């Protein structure tokens, strides 16, 4: 059991160097802090920056998470998510925990909606954006009920060894961190 809550990178897919070692990532934003209550969300665009890949294109799916999780302080040094896994720290989300060592997922790998809110083909290094009606619906529901905002889980190709490295909120260059843009009407 490993985690990587405070890293500057996160990976999605099946690790090349560790057969059957899947990588999933959780991401959340505070909707209620940035949008007035009662607003109508019209467009949601999520942008992620992929900073390394050695495999061909595969889809990265974004699924709405259905239960609470937390982020701890674990930090894999070097190529985070790769060859130097570290044990989870208090509160880290892991493959079996939404919050280490206090809350288990109902299903190993995370509790999330089966239908993807967005699917983005990811190929070479660069920024990728997703904007779908389902992302709008997710954010609108979180605005209506902030206690249901558990964010999304990113799931890549989990059938063959293949990973993509994305920059996290801990990445040193703020321009490459995950960001979202929301249009709304009052």
Protein backbone atom coordinates (compact mmCIF):
# COMPACT_ATOMS: atom_id res chain seq x y z
CA UNK A 1 0.00 0.00 0.00
CA UNK A 2 1.49 3.32 -1.13
CA UNK A 3 0.44 6.95 -1.48
CA UNK A 4 1.73 10.19 -2.92
CA UNK A 5 -0.43 12.98 -1.50
CA UNK A 6 2.09 15.85 -1.44
CA UNK A 7 3.89 15.14 -4.70
CA UNK A 8 4.59 17.49 -7.57
CA UNK A 9 3.44 14.87 -10.09
CA UNK A 10 0.77 12.22 -10.32
CA UNK A 11 0.46 9.25 -12.63
CA UNK A 12 -2.46 7.49 -14.28
CA UNK A 13 -2.47 4.05 -15.88
CA UNK A 14 -0.56 0.86 -15.13
CA UNK A 15 3.03 1.39 -14.02
CA UNK A 16 5.51 0.13 -16.62
CA UNK A 17 8.07 -1.04 -14.12
CA UNK A 18 5.62 -2.81 -11.81
CA UNK A 19 3.23 -5.16 -13.55
CA UNK A 20 -0.31 -4.92 -12.18
CA UNK A 21 0.54 -1.69 -10.33
CA UNK A 22 -2.33 0.68 -11.14
CA UNK A 23 -2.19 4.43 -10.66
CA UNK A 24 -5.32 6.52 -10.07
CA UNK A 25 -5.54 10.08 -8.90
CA UNK A 26 -8.04 12.16 -7.01
CA UNK A 27 -8.62 15.83 -7.71
CA UNK A 28 -11.04 18.31 -6.15
CA UNK A 29 -11.72 22.04 -6.17
CA UNK A 30 -13.73 24.14 -3.69
CA UNK A 31 -16.77 25.08 -5.77
CA UNK A 32 -18.60 26.98 -3.03
CA UNK A 33 -15.61 29.27 -2.43
CA UNK A 34 -15.57 30.58 -5.99
CA UNK A 35 -19.18 30.61 -7.21
CA UNK A 36 -22.09 32.43 -5.56
CA UNK A 37 -24.87 30.23 -4.17
CA UNK A 38 -27.80 30.04 -6.55
CA UNK A 39 -25.69 30.61 -9.67
CA UNK A 40 -26.33 28.55 -12.79
CA UNK A 41 -23.16 26.88 -14.10
CA UNK A 42 -22.98 27.06 -17.91
CA UNK A 43 -19.46 25.84 -18.80
CA UNK A 44 -16.77 23.90 -16.90
CA UNK A 45 -13.32 23.36 -18.39
CA UNK A 46 -10.70 21.30 -16.56
CA UNK A 47 -7.09 21.64 -17.74
CA UNK A 48 -4.31 19.24 -16.80
CA UNK A 49 -0.69 19.31 -17.96
CA UNK A 50 1.01 16.06 -18.96
CA UNK A 51 4.74 16.45 -18.45
CA UNK A 52 6.00 12.99 -19.38
CA UNK A 53 4.93 9.94 -21.35
CA UNK A 54 6.67 7.10 -23.14
CA UNK A 55 3.55 5.33 -24.39
CA UNK A 56 1.05 5.94 -27.17
CA UNK A 57 -2.25 7.73 -26.75
CA UNK A 58 -4.85 6.44 -24.34
CA UNK A 59 -8.01 7.86 -22.84
CA UNK A 60 -7.93 9.49 -19.42
CA UNK A 61 -11.38 9.21 -17.85
CA UNK A 62 -12.66 11.54 -15.17
CA UNK A 63 -15.26 9.98 -12.84
CA UNK A 64 -17.20 11.74 -10.11
CA UNK A 65 -16.13 10.46 -6.67
CA UNK A 66 -19.04 9.44 -4.44
CA UNK A 67 -17.50 9.45 -0.94
CA UNK A 68 -15.09 11.53 1.08
CA UNK A 69 -11.32 11.16 0.80
CA UNK A 70 -8.36 13.11 2.09
CA UNK A 71 -4.82 14.09 1.11
CA UNK A 72 -1.90 13.32 3.38
CA UNK A 73 1.75 14.34 3.31
CA UNK A 74 3.38 11.33 1.62
CA UNK A 75 5.84 12.39 -1.07
CA UNK A 76 7.74 10.02 -3.32
CA UNK A 77 11.12 11.54 -4.08
CA UNK A 78 12.38 11.56 -7.66
CA UNK A 79 10.02 10.15 -10.24
CA UNK A 80 6.96 10.24 -8.00
CA UNK A 81 4.61 7.35 -8.57
CA UNK A 82 7.37 5.31 -10.16
CA UNK A 83 10.12 3.16 -8.73
CA UNK A 84 10.31 4.55 -5.19
CA UNK A 85 6.92 3.97 -3.56
CA UNK A 86 6.48 5.26 -0.03
CA UNK A 87 4.02 4.19 2.66
CA UNK A 88 0.98 6.39 3.28
CA UNK A 89 0.94 9.03 5.99
CA UNK A 90 -2.06 9.93 8.14
CA UNK A 91 -5.09 10.94 6.03
CA UNK A 92 -3.64 9.83 2.65
CA UNK A 93 -6.00 8.28 0.14
CA UNK A 94 -4.68 4.86 -0.93
CA UNK A 95 -5.99 2.01 -3.09
CA UNK A 96 -8.07 0.73 -0.16
CA UNK A 97 -8.45 3.86 2.01
CA UNK A 98 -10.32 7.08 1.38
CA UNK A 99 -8.45 8.30 4.42
CA UNK A 100 -5.53 6.30 5.80
CA UNK A 101 -5.93 4.63 8.38
CA UNK A 102 -9.44 5.75 9.31
CA UNK A 103 -11.82 5.17 6.37
CA UNK A 104 -11.89 2.40 3.77
CA UNK A 105 -13.29 2.72 0.27
CA UNK A 106 -16.34 0.50 -0.32
CA UNK A 107 -14.56 -0.75 -3.44
CA UNK A 108 -10.74 -0.99 -3.69
CA UNK A 109 -9.48 1.73 -6.05
CA UNK A 110 -12.07 4.30 -4.94
CA UNK A 111 -15.79 4.95 -4.78
CA UNK A 112 -16.90 6.67 -7.97
CA UNK A 113 -19.65 6.85 -10.56
CA UNK A 114 -19.28 4.17 -13.24
CA UNK A 115 -20.01 6.58 -16.11
CA UNK A 116 -17.19 9.00 -16.88
CA UNK A 117 -17.94 12.71 -16.57
CA UNK A 118 -15.31 13.35 -19.26
CA UNK A 119 -12.93 11.35 -21.43
CA UNK A 120 -9.84 12.95 -22.93
CA UNK A 121 -7.41 11.20 -25.30
CA UNK A 122 -3.90 11.90 -23.97
CA UNK A 123 -0.92 11.43 -26.26
CA UNK A 124 2.19 13.64 -26.14
CA UNK A 125 3.49 16.09 -23.56
CA UNK A 126 1.33 19.21 -23.19
CA UNK A 127 -1.90 20.59 -21.77
CA UNK A 128 -5.20 18.76 -22.12
CA UNK A 129 -8.64 20.24 -21.48
CA UNK A 130 -12.02 18.65 -20.92
CA UNK A 131 -15.37 20.40 -21.12
CA UNK A 132 -18.58 18.35 -21.11
CA UNK A 133 -22.21 18.74 -20.07
CA UNK A 134 -21.58 16.16 -17.33
CA UNK A 135 -18.77 18.28 -15.83
CA UNK A 136 -21.28 21.15 -15.73
CA UNK A 137 -23.82 18.88 -14.02
CA UNK A 138 -21.22 17.71 -11.47
CA UNK A 139 -20.21 21.26 -10.54
CA UNK A 140 -23.83 22.47 -10.43
CA UNK A 141 -24.70 19.66 -8.02
CA UNK A 142 -21.69 20.50 -5.82
CA UNK A 143 -22.77 24.14 -5.75
CA UNK A 144 -26.27 23.10 -4.67
CA UNK A 145 -24.88 20.70 -2.02
CA UNK A 146 -21.23 21.47 -1.11
CA UNK A 147 -21.15 18.45 1.25
CA UNK A 148 -21.37 16.16 -1.81
CA UNK A 149 -18.25 17.63 -3.46
CA UNK A 150 -15.71 14.80 -3.41
CA UNK A 151 -14.13 15.76 -6.74
CA UNK A 152 -13.11 13.39 -9.50
CA UNK A 153 -10.85 10.38 -9.94
CA UNK A 154 -8.61 10.13 -13.02
CA UNK A 155 -8.39 6.66 -14.52
CA UNK A 156 -6.13 5.84 -17.46
CA UNK A 157 -5.39 2.63 -19.35
CA UNK A 158 -5.38 -0.14 -16.75
CA UNK A 159 -5.14 -3.07 -19.17
CA UNK A 160 -1.54 -2.79 -20.40
CA UNK A 161 1.61 -1.27 -18.88
CA UNK A 162 1.21 2.40 -19.74
CA UNK A 163 1.40 5.52 -17.61
CA UNK A 164 1.14 9.25 -18.10
CA UNK A 165 2.71 11.75 -15.69
CA UNK A 166 0.68 14.86 -14.92
CA UNK A 167 1.68 17.90 -12.91
CA UNK A 168 -0.10 18.28 -9.56
CA UNK A 169 -0.94 21.31 -7.44
CA UNK A 170 2.47 20.84 -5.81
CA UNK A 171 4.30 21.42 -9.10
CA UNK A 172 6.75 24.34 -8.98
CA UNK A 173 5.45 26.06 -12.15
CA UNK A 174 1.96 27.39 -11.33
CA UNK A 175 1.08 27.55 -15.05
CA UNK A 176 1.21 23.74 -15.25
CA UNK A 177 -0.89 22.96 -12.19
CA UNK A 178 -4.43 21.60 -12.60
CA UNK A 179 -6.92 24.38 -13.11
CA UNK A 180 -10.49 24.84 -14.01
CA UNK A 181 -12.51 27.61 -15.52
CA UNK A 182 -16.19 27.94 -14.71
CA UNK A 183 -18.69 30.17 -16.47
CA UNK A 184 -21.91 30.86 -14.62
CA UNK A 185 -24.94 33.14 -14.62
CA UNK A 186 -26.61 34.75 -11.61
